[in-house]
Amino acid sequence: MPQTGAAIGQGAIFSIGNATGGASTAYVDVSIEITNMTSPQLNRDAIDATHLLSPENFREYIAGLKGQDTFTLEFNYLPAVTDELYANWQAGAGDYQMTYPDGIRMQFSGIPTAWKPGDASAETMKGKMTIQPSGKPTMLAAI
C-alpha cells in the first residue's frame, strides 16, 4: 500500500510585500511567531437564471463573479512598538505571500480588516489578524 503524501503546515511562512495592489517585487517574512494561517477559500457566485420554461421545473444557474473568503493569521503576541502586523493594519492595504512547507507560494493583495493583540492572561497571549483578499491570487512554484 502506498504511503500518504499528506503533510502538516509546520514550516509555513507569512510575508508582506513591498508595495500594494499586486505591484510587490519583494516579500519580507514577518518575524512574529505565527501559530496558524487559514488560507483564503476561493469561491464563485451562482446566479439564478431560472425562467418560466426551465426544463422540468428545475432551477438553472450560471457562473457569476469569483472571490475569496478572508485570510486569518494567528500568532503569539509579543508586545512591541514595532509590531509588523499592526503597522500593516494601519497602512490599510498590502500584498501578501503565504509559503507552504514545500515552497509553493500563494500571493494575494488585500485589505487588513482586523488586528487583535493577545489578551493578558495566564496562557500564551494569542493575537489575530484578518485580511480580506482583493482580486485574483497567484500560485507560484517553489524557488
Protein backbone atom coordinates (compact mmCIF):
# COMPACT_ATOMS: atom_id res chain seq x y z
CA MET A 1 0.00 0.00 0.00
CA PRO A 2 1.48 3.42 -0.94
CA GLN A 3 2.28 5.86 1.83
CA THR A 4 0.36 9.14 2.02
CA GLY A 5 1.80 12.36 0.67
CA ALA A 6 -0.06 14.44 3.27
CA ALA A 7 1.92 16.93 5.34
CA ILE A 8 1.42 19.24 8.30
CA GLY A 9 1.82 23.01 7.99
CA GLN A 10 4.91 23.22 10.18
CA GLY A 11 7.40 25.48 8.40
CA ALA A 12 4.83 27.64 6.56
CA ILE A 13 5.83 31.32 6.29
CA PHE A 14 3.81 34.56 6.02
CA SER A 15 5.38 37.53 4.23
CA ILE A 16 4.41 41.12 3.48
CA GLY A 17 5.18 42.69 0.09
CA ASN A 18 6.99 45.94 -0.57
CA ALA A 19 4.02 47.52 -2.42
CA THR A 20 0.22 47.20 -2.78
CA GLY A 21 -2.25 46.17 -5.46
CA GLY A 22 -0.09 43.34 -6.79
CA ALA A 23 2.89 45.61 -7.51
CA SER A 24 5.24 43.99 -4.96
CA THR A 25 8.60 42.82 -6.27
CA ALA A 26 9.92 41.54 -2.94
CA TYR A 27 8.37 39.96 0.15
CA VAL A 28 9.76 40.08 3.69
CA ASP A 29 8.96 37.25 6.11
CA VAL A 30 7.33 38.52 9.30
CA SER A 31 9.34 37.90 12.45
CA ILE A 32 6.22 37.32 14.54
CA GLU A 33 5.61 33.78 15.85
CA ILE A 34 2.77 32.60 13.60
CA THR A 35 0.77 29.74 15.14
CA ASN A 36 -1.93 29.27 12.49
CA MET A 37 -2.80 30.54 8.99
CA THR A 38 -6.19 29.98 7.42
CA SER A 39 -5.72 30.40 3.68
CA PRO A 40 -8.50 32.16 1.74
CA GLN A 41 -11.12 29.88 0.24
CA LEU A 42 -11.81 30.67 -3.41
CA ASN A 43 -15.48 30.86 -4.30
CA ARG A 44 -17.78 31.72 -7.18
CA ASP A 45 -21.29 33.17 -7.13
CA ALA A 46 -24.06 31.01 -8.60
CA ILE A 47 -26.53 33.31 -10.39
CA ASP A 48 -30.08 32.05 -10.57
CA ALA A 49 -31.06 32.03 -14.27
CA THR A 50 -34.30 30.08 -13.83
CA HIS A 51 -37.10 31.07 -16.21
CA LEU A 52 -40.70 30.04 -16.73
CA LEU A 53 -39.73 27.33 -19.24
CA SER A 54 -36.80 25.86 -17.27
CA PRO A 55 -36.82 22.11 -18.02
CA GLU A 56 -38.93 20.05 -15.62
CA ASN A 57 -39.22 22.99 -13.19
CA PHE A 58 -35.58 22.73 -12.06
CA ARG A 59 -33.62 25.85 -11.19
CA GLU A 60 -30.82 26.80 -13.58
CA TYR A 61 -27.65 28.64 -12.65
CA ILE A 62 -24.87 30.42 -14.45
CA ALA A 63 -21.39 31.15 -13.10
CA GLY A 64 -21.00 34.57 -11.51
CA LEU A 65 -18.11 36.54 -10.08
CA LYS A 66 -15.22 34.86 -8.28
CA GLY A 67 -13.97 35.93 -4.87
CA GLN A 68 -12.09 34.87 -1.77
CA ASP A 69 -13.02 34.46 1.87
CA THR A 70 -10.86 36.12 4.49
CA PHE A 71 -7.30 35.10 5.32
CA THR A 72 -6.71 34.69 9.07
CA LEU A 73 -3.40 34.78 10.84
CA GLU A 74 -3.00 33.77 14.49
CA PHE A 75 0.20 34.46 16.39
CA ASN A 76 1.88 34.54 19.77
CA TYR A 77 1.51 38.19 20.67
CA LEU A 78 4.84 39.66 21.73
CA PRO A 79 4.10 43.28 22.71
CA ALA A 80 6.37 45.61 20.75
CA VAL A 81 6.21 49.14 19.42
CA THR A 82 7.48 47.85 16.05
CA ASP A 83 4.75 45.22 15.52
CA GLU A 84 4.83 44.45 11.75
CA LEU A 85 1.23 43.28 11.56
CA TYR A 86 -0.12 46.29 13.44
CA ALA A 87 1.86 48.60 11.13
CA ASN A 88 0.40 46.78 8.11
CA TRP A 89 -3.12 47.07 9.53
CA GLN A 90 -2.52 50.82 9.97
CA ALA A 91 -1.37 51.08 6.33
CA GLY A 92 -4.78 49.79 5.19
CA ALA A 93 -3.68 47.61 2.25
CA GLY A 94 -0.90 45.31 1.21
CA ASP A 95 0.45 42.45 -0.86
CA TYR A 96 0.90 39.18 0.98
CA GLN A 97 2.54 35.83 0.46
CA MET A 98 1.92 32.51 2.16
CA THR A 99 4.70 29.99 1.57
CA TYR A 100 3.75 26.37 2.21
CA PRO A 101 6.31 23.97 3.74
CA ASP A 102 7.12 22.55 0.27
CA GLY A 103 7.96 26.03 -1.05
CA ILE A 104 4.78 26.58 -3.12
CA ARG A 105 3.68 30.20 -2.71
CA MET A 106 0.29 31.92 -2.78
CA GLN A 107 0.44 35.67 -3.37
CA PHE A 108 -2.56 37.97 -3.00
CA SER A 109 -3.44 41.61 -2.42
CA GLY A 110 -5.80 42.58 0.34
CA ILE A 111 -7.12 44.89 2.99
CA PRO A 112 -6.30 44.12 6.63
CA THR A 113 -9.73 44.37 8.27
CA ALA A 114 -8.93 43.37 11.85
CA TRP A 115 -5.93 43.19 14.20
CA LYS A 116 -6.20 42.00 17.79
CA PRO A 117 -3.36 41.89 20.30
CA GLY A 118 -3.21 38.98 22.71
CA ASP A 119 -5.19 39.07 25.91
CA ALA A 120 -3.12 39.30 29.08
CA SER A 121 -3.76 36.01 30.87
CA ALA A 122 -2.03 33.03 32.45
CA GLU A 123 -1.99 31.41 28.98
CA THR A 124 0.01 32.36 25.91
CA MET A 125 -1.19 35.73 24.61
CA LYS A 126 -2.74 34.90 21.22
CA GLY A 127 -3.16 37.67 18.67
CA LYS A 128 -5.13 37.58 15.44
CA MET A 129 -5.19 39.46 12.13
CA THR A 130 -7.77 39.17 9.37
CA ILE A 131 -7.18 40.18 5.75
CA GLN A 132 -9.85 40.45 3.06
CA PRO A 133 -8.14 39.39 -0.20
CA SER A 134 -8.92 41.51 -3.24
CA GLY A 135 -8.54 40.36 -6.84
CA LYS A 136 -7.09 37.13 -8.17
CA PRO A 137 -4.50 35.22 -6.11
CA THR A 138 -1.42 33.75 -7.77
CA MET A 139 0.04 30.31 -7.08
CA LEU A 140 3.77 30.08 -7.76
CA ALA A 141 6.24 27.20 -7.87
CA ALA A 142 8.85 26.77 -5.17
CA ILE A 143 12.11 28.64 -5.70
